[in-house]
Structure formats: structure tokens, C-alpha cells
Amino acid sequence: MAMTLRLEDDLDRRLSELSERAGISKQKLVVIAIEEHLARERQNNFAASVVDKVLTRDRELLERLSVS
């Protein structure tokens, strides 16, 4: 699916410079950035679910440890 991305002049210039340094197209850089963002989001969601699971499973123990 096609999409038009409108960038402010400064951001477009910076993207162009990065594209030239990396030797890849601006479109490819944007795709990479989106993929990396989605991967971080998946990792963060996974970590949050693990923490929630541990907090639920070990709630009683954690409460006992926190009382001094």
C-alpha cells in the first residue's frame, strides 16, 4: 500500500543526510525505523507481561520482604 509522508524541511534534510551517509534510500531508512520501533514495543510489552506475572505470582512473598 502506498503512503505519502510529509516531513518538515529540517527533518527531511536530516533524513536525506542520514540516507546519504548510510548509502540507503530515505524510504528504506523510514521502514527500518518503524520496524525497530515495533520490535522495541514488542520487547517492552513482553517485559511488562513478565513483570506482571512475577508480581502476581510472588505478591505475598514481595509483601513480606517489603515489611521491615
N, C-alpha and C. Protein backbone atom coordinates (compact mmCIF):
# COMPACT_ATOMS: atom_id res chain seq x y z
N MET A 1 0.85 -1.17 0.00
CA MET A 1 0.00 0.00 0.00
C MET A 1 0.90 1.24 0.00
N ALA A 2 0.59 2.18 -0.84
CA ALA A 2 1.37 3.41 -0.94
C ALA A 2 0.97 4.38 0.17
N MET A 3 1.94 5.20 0.57
CA MET A 3 1.69 6.18 1.60
C MET A 3 2.57 7.40 1.33
N THR A 4 2.01 8.56 1.51
CA THR A 4 2.78 9.78 1.39
C THR A 4 3.15 10.25 2.78
N LEU A 5 4.41 10.55 2.98
CA LEU A 5 4.88 11.01 4.28
C LEU A 5 5.36 12.44 4.13
N ARG A 6 4.73 13.33 4.84
CA ARG A 6 5.11 14.74 4.78
C ARG A 6 5.98 15.06 5.99
N LEU A 7 7.16 15.58 5.72
CA LEU A 7 8.10 15.93 6.79
C LEU A 7 8.40 17.42 6.74
N GLU A 8 8.66 17.98 7.90
CA GLU A 8 9.12 19.36 7.93
C GLU A 8 10.49 19.42 7.25
N ASP A 9 10.82 20.58 6.72
CA ASP A 9 12.05 20.73 5.93
C ASP A 9 13.29 20.26 6.69
N ASP A 10 13.41 20.63 7.96
CA ASP A 10 14.60 20.26 8.72
C ASP A 10 14.71 18.75 8.88
N LEU A 11 13.61 18.10 9.19
CA LEU A 11 13.62 16.65 9.36
C LEU A 11 13.92 15.95 8.04
N ASP A 12 13.37 16.46 6.95
CA ASP A 12 13.64 15.89 5.63
C ASP A 12 15.12 16.04 5.27
N ARG A 13 15.70 17.19 5.60
CA ARG A 13 17.13 17.40 5.33
C ARG A 13 17.98 16.43 6.13
N ARG A 14 17.65 16.27 7.42
CA ARG A 14 18.41 15.35 8.26
C ARG A 14 18.27 13.91 7.79
N LEU A 15 17.07 13.54 7.36
CA LEU A 15 16.84 12.20 6.83
C LEU A 15 17.64 12.00 5.55
N SER A 16 17.69 13.01 4.71
CA SER A 16 18.48 12.93 3.47
C SER A 16 19.95 12.74 3.78
N GLU A 17 20.46 13.50 4.76
CA GLU A 17 21.87 13.37 5.13
C GLU A 17 22.18 11.98 5.67
N LEU A 18 21.30 11.47 6.52
CA LEU A 18 21.49 10.13 7.07
C LEU A 18 21.43 9.09 5.97
N SER A 19 20.52 9.27 5.05
CA SER A 19 20.37 8.36 3.92
C SER A 19 21.66 8.30 3.10
N GLU A 20 22.22 9.46 2.84
CA GLU A 20 23.47 9.51 2.06
C GLU A 20 24.61 8.84 2.81
N ARG A 21 24.71 9.12 4.12
CA ARG A 21 25.79 8.50 4.91
C ARG A 21 25.64 6.98 4.97
N ALA A 22 24.40 6.52 5.10
CA ALA A 22 24.14 5.08 5.23
C ALA A 22 24.16 4.37 3.88
N GLY A 23 24.03 5.14 2.82
CA GLY A 23 24.02 4.54 1.48
C GLY A 23 22.74 3.78 1.17
N ILE A 24 21.64 4.20 1.79
CA ILE A 24 20.34 3.59 1.50
C ILE A 24 19.30 4.69 1.31
N SER A 25 18.19 4.33 0.74
CA SER A 25 17.16 5.33 0.43
C SER A 25 16.49 5.84 1.71
N LYS A 26 15.90 7.01 1.58
CA LYS A 26 15.13 7.56 2.70
C LYS A 26 13.97 6.64 3.04
N GLN A 27 13.34 6.08 2.03
CA GLN A 27 12.22 5.17 2.27
C GLN A 27 12.66 3.97 3.08
N LYS A 28 13.83 3.40 2.75
CA LYS A 28 14.34 2.24 3.47
C LYS A 28 14.66 2.61 4.92
N LEU A 29 15.22 3.80 5.13
CA LEU A 29 15.50 4.25 6.49
C LEU A 29 14.23 4.37 7.32
N VAL A 30 13.19 4.90 6.74
CA VAL A 30 11.91 5.03 7.44
C VAL A 30 11.36 3.65 7.77
N VAL A 31 11.43 2.71 6.83
CA VAL A 31 10.96 1.35 7.09
C VAL A 31 11.75 0.72 8.24
N ILE A 32 13.06 0.88 8.23
CA ILE A 32 13.91 0.35 9.31
C ILE A 32 13.52 0.96 10.65
N ALA A 33 13.31 2.26 10.67
CA ALA A 33 12.93 2.94 11.92
C ALA A 33 11.60 2.41 12.45
N ILE A 34 10.64 2.20 11.58
CA ILE A 34 9.34 1.66 12.00
C ILE A 34 9.50 0.24 12.53
N GLU A 35 10.26 -0.58 11.80
CA GLU A 35 10.47 -1.96 12.24
C GLU A 35 11.17 -2.01 13.60
N GLU A 36 12.18 -1.15 13.81
CA GLU A 36 12.88 -1.13 15.09
C GLU A 36 11.96 -0.65 16.21
N HIS A 37 11.14 0.33 15.92
CA HIS A 37 10.18 0.80 16.93
C HIS A 37 9.21 -0.30 17.33
N LEU A 38 8.68 -1.02 16.34
CA LEU A 38 7.75 -2.11 16.62
C LEU A 38 8.43 -3.23 17.41
N ALA A 39 9.69 -3.52 17.10
CA ALA A 39 10.43 -4.55 17.84
C ALA A 39 10.62 -4.13 19.29
N ARG A 40 10.99 -2.86 19.53
CA ARG A 40 11.13 -2.36 20.91
C ARG A 40 9.80 -2.43 21.64
N GLU A 41 8.73 -2.08 20.96
CA GLU A 41 7.41 -2.13 21.57
C GLU A 41 7.06 -3.56 21.97
N ARG A 42 7.35 -4.53 21.10
CA ARG A 42 7.10 -5.94 21.43
C ARG A 42 7.93 -6.36 22.64
N GLN A 43 9.20 -5.97 22.66
CA GLN A 43 10.06 -6.32 23.79
C GLN A 43 9.55 -5.69 25.08
N ASN A 44 9.15 -4.44 25.02
CA ASN A 44 8.63 -3.76 26.21
C ASN A 44 7.34 -4.42 26.70
N ASN A 45 6.47 -4.79 25.77
CA ASN A 45 5.23 -5.47 26.16
C ASN A 45 5.52 -6.82 26.79
N PHE A 46 6.49 -7.54 26.23
CA PHE A 46 6.85 -8.84 26.79
C PHE A 46 7.42 -8.67 28.19
N ALA A 47 8.34 -7.71 28.36
CA ALA A 47 8.93 -7.47 29.68
C ALA A 47 7.86 -7.08 30.68
N ALA A 48 6.93 -6.23 30.28
CA ALA A 48 5.85 -5.82 31.19
C ALA A 48 4.98 -7.00 31.58
N SER A 49 4.71 -7.91 30.65
CA SER A 49 3.90 -9.07 30.97
C SER A 49 4.63 -10.01 31.92
N VAL A 50 5.93 -10.14 31.76
CA VAL A 50 6.72 -10.97 32.68
C VAL A 50 6.71 -10.36 34.08
N VAL A 51 6.91 -9.06 34.17
CA VAL A 51 6.89 -8.38 35.47
C VAL A 51 5.52 -8.55 36.13
N ASP A 52 4.46 -8.36 35.37
CA ASP A 52 3.11 -8.54 35.92
C ASP A 52 2.91 -9.95 36.43
N LYS A 53 3.39 -10.92 35.68
CA LYS A 53 3.25 -12.32 36.08
C LYS A 53 3.99 -12.58 37.39
N VAL A 54 5.22 -12.09 37.48
CA VAL A 54 6.02 -12.29 38.70
C VAL A 54 5.38 -11.57 39.88
N LEU A 55 4.94 -10.34 39.67
CA LEU A 55 4.31 -9.60 40.76
C LEU A 55 3.04 -10.29 41.26
N THR A 56 2.29 -10.86 40.34
CA THR A 56 1.08 -11.58 40.73
C THR A 56 1.43 -12.88 41.44
N ARG A 57 2.33 -13.64 40.84
CA ARG A 57 2.71 -14.93 41.39
C ARG A 57 3.37 -14.80 42.76
N ASP A 58 4.23 -13.80 42.93
CA ASP A 58 5.02 -13.67 44.15
C ASP A 58 4.57 -12.51 45.03
N ARG A 59 3.33 -12.08 44.86
CA ARG A 59 2.82 -10.93 45.61
C ARG A 59 3.01 -11.09 47.11
N GLU A 60 2.62 -12.23 47.63
CA GLU A 60 2.70 -12.45 49.08
C GLU A 60 4.15 -12.39 49.57
N LEU A 61 5.03 -13.03 48.86
CA LEU A 61 6.45 -13.01 49.23
C LEU A 61 7.01 -11.59 49.17
N LEU A 62 6.68 -10.86 48.13
CA LEU A 62 7.18 -9.49 47.98
C LEU A 62 6.65 -8.59 49.09
N GLU A 63 5.40 -8.81 49.48
CA GLU A 63 4.84 -8.03 50.59
C GLU A 63 5.56 -8.33 51.89
N ARG A 64 5.87 -9.60 52.15
CA ARG A 64 6.60 -9.96 53.36
C ARG A 64 8.01 -9.37 53.36
N LEU A 65 8.65 -9.39 52.22
CA LEU A 65 10.00 -8.84 52.12
C LEU A 65 10.04 -7.33 52.28
N SER A 66 8.95 -6.65 51.90
CA SER A 66 8.94 -5.20 51.97
C SER A 66 8.69 -4.68 53.38
N VAL A 67 8.18 -5.51 54.26
CA VAL A 67 7.90 -5.10 55.66
C VAL A 67 9.15 -5.36 56.48
N SER A 68 9.72 -4.30 57.02
CA SER A 68 10.94 -4.48 57.83
C SER A 68 10.75 -3.92 59.20
